[in-house]
Amino acid sequence: MPRVVRFCEVPGFKRHVFVCTNERPEGHPKGSCKARGGVEVRDELKLQLKTIGLSKTIRANNAGCLDQCEQGVTVVVYPEQVWYGHVTVADLPEIVEKHLVGGEAVERLMLPDQPHLNGQRSFGKIEK
């Protein structure tokens, strides 16, 4: 008997946001995004996107180690590949409104040395 495989539609997100929630043992020299609030940042980001009706357009996920441990909670936004560091729950309204919806990078939170951006800071708005 042939096996029947069913496919579901693959979601087409406009932006995909990864929040580091990596956990290291207490006292590890690199620190831990989970201990610095990564889970709270991810959960609040998901809530804010749902509240404004964009959770089906912009996806927020947890990520394992993004190799930026010394930069506090790290967040990376795709497809632009903009990396943010030392992100807290208090920073999320600005990231959501300015970057995720408005298409403008939040320069004060950007990690240094992002040559792949070629100085670009505008990426296009998303309609609510």
Protein backbone atom coordinates (compact mmCIF):
# COMPACT_ATOMS: atom_id res chain seq x y z
CA MET A 1 0.00 0.00 0.00
CA PRO A 2 1.50 3.38 -0.95
CA ARG A 3 2.22 5.81 1.84
CA VAL A 4 0.16 9.00 1.72
CA VAL A 5 2.05 12.12 2.64
CA ARG A 6 0.08 15.23 3.36
CA PHE A 7 1.61 18.64 2.98
CA CYS A 8 0.58 21.76 4.75
CA GLU A 9 1.28 25.19 3.42
CA VAL A 10 4.65 26.53 4.45
CA PRO A 11 4.27 29.89 6.17
CA GLY A 12 5.68 32.91 4.35
CA PHE A 13 6.95 35.18 7.08
CA LYS A 14 8.07 38.70 6.17
CA ARG A 15 10.57 38.71 9.03
CA HIS A 16 11.93 36.00 11.28
CA VAL A 17 13.36 36.95 14.66
CA PHE A 18 15.62 34.66 16.65
CA VAL A 19 16.14 35.32 20.37
CA CYS A 20 18.99 33.53 22.11
CA THR A 21 17.74 31.51 25.07
CA ASN A 22 20.87 29.40 25.47
CA GLU A 23 21.55 28.19 29.00
CA ARG A 24 25.02 27.68 30.45
CA PRO A 25 25.94 26.59 33.96
CA GLU A 26 25.90 29.31 36.60
CA GLY A 27 29.23 31.11 36.76
CA HIS A 28 30.26 30.22 33.19
CA PRO A 29 32.70 32.90 31.95
CA LYS A 30 30.68 33.56 28.77
CA GLY A 31 27.43 34.05 30.63
CA SER A 32 24.03 32.78 29.59
CA CYS A 33 21.31 34.46 27.58
CA LYS A 34 18.71 32.50 29.51
CA ALA A 35 20.04 33.84 32.83
CA ARG A 36 20.05 37.36 31.35
CA GLY A 37 16.37 37.21 30.41
CA GLY A 38 16.33 35.58 26.97
CA VAL A 39 13.19 33.57 27.66
CA GLU A 40 11.35 36.65 28.94
CA VAL A 41 12.47 38.64 25.88
CA ARG A 42 11.24 35.90 23.53
CA ASP A 43 7.91 35.49 25.33
CA GLU A 44 7.24 39.23 25.43
CA LEU A 45 8.21 39.63 21.77
CA LYS A 46 5.75 36.91 20.80
CA LEU A 47 3.05 38.58 22.90
CA GLN A 48 3.67 42.01 21.35
CA LEU A 49 3.52 40.59 17.82
CA LYS A 50 0.27 38.78 18.64
CA THR A 51 -1.21 41.90 20.24
CA ILE A 52 -0.64 43.98 17.10
CA GLY A 53 -1.86 41.19 14.82
CA LEU A 54 1.48 40.35 13.20
CA SER A 55 2.28 36.94 14.70
CA LYS A 56 1.40 35.29 11.35
CA THR A 57 3.58 37.76 9.41
CA ILE A 58 6.58 38.07 11.71
CA ARG A 59 7.82 34.95 13.47
CA ALA A 60 9.66 35.09 16.80
CA ASN A 61 11.58 31.99 17.86
CA ASN A 62 14.06 31.00 20.48
CA ALA A 63 17.55 30.17 19.30
CA GLY A 64 20.37 28.19 20.75
CA CYS A 65 23.74 29.84 21.16
CA LEU A 66 24.34 32.60 18.60
CA ASP A 67 28.02 32.91 19.66
CA GLN A 68 27.56 36.45 20.99
CA CYS A 69 27.43 35.47 24.66
CA GLU A 70 29.31 38.52 25.91
CA GLN A 71 26.70 40.76 24.27
CA GLY A 72 23.87 39.91 26.66
CA VAL A 73 20.60 38.66 25.19
CA THR A 74 21.19 38.55 21.44
CA VAL A 75 18.45 38.95 18.84
CA VAL A 76 18.89 38.56 15.08
CA VAL A 77 16.31 39.65 12.51
CA TYR A 78 16.05 37.95 9.13
CA PRO A 79 16.02 38.37 6.20
CA GLU A 80 18.02 41.54 6.91
CA GLN A 81 20.52 39.80 9.22
CA VAL A 82 20.52 42.67 11.71
CA TRP A 83 22.07 41.62 15.03
CA TYR A 84 21.09 43.26 18.32
CA GLY A 85 22.77 42.85 21.69
CA HIS A 86 22.00 43.52 25.35
CA VAL A 87 18.28 43.35 24.49
CA THR A 88 15.82 43.60 27.36
CA VAL A 89 12.05 43.42 27.56
CA ALA A 90 12.07 47.23 27.82
CA ASP A 91 13.70 47.45 24.36
CA LEU A 92 11.04 45.42 22.59
CA PRO A 93 8.47 48.13 21.81
CA GLU A 94 11.19 50.07 19.97
CA ILE A 95 12.43 46.99 18.09
CA VAL A 96 8.87 45.99 17.14
CA GLU A 97 7.71 49.42 16.00
CA LYS A 98 10.91 50.77 14.51
CA HIS A 99 12.44 47.68 12.89
CA LEU A 100 9.94 44.85 12.63
CA VAL A 101 7.05 47.06 11.50
CA GLY A 102 8.78 50.25 10.35
CA GLY A 103 11.78 48.66 8.63
CA GLU A 104 14.39 50.85 10.34
CA ALA A 105 17.21 49.29 12.36
CA VAL A 106 17.50 50.31 16.02
CA GLU A 107 21.09 51.54 15.88
CA ARG A 108 21.60 51.91 19.64
CA LEU A 109 21.12 48.14 20.08
CA MET A 110 22.98 46.94 17.01
CA LEU A 111 26.07 44.85 17.57
CA PRO A 112 29.19 46.42 16.07
CA ASP A 113 30.93 45.06 13.00
CA GLN A 114 28.09 44.10 10.67
CA PRO A 115 29.80 44.61 7.28
CA HIS A 116 27.21 42.42 5.52
CA LEU A 117 24.77 45.33 5.89
CA ASN A 118 26.99 47.70 3.85
CA GLY A 119 25.70 50.57 5.99
CA GLN A 120 22.07 49.81 5.18
CA ARG A 121 19.65 50.68 7.96
CA SER A 122 16.28 50.77 6.10
CA PHE A 123 14.59 47.57 5.02
CA GLY A 124 10.97 48.28 4.15
CA LYS A 125 7.82 48.60 6.23
CA ILE A 126 5.29 45.89 7.04
CA GLU A 127 1.65 46.85 7.04
CA LYS A 128 -0.28 46.08 10.22
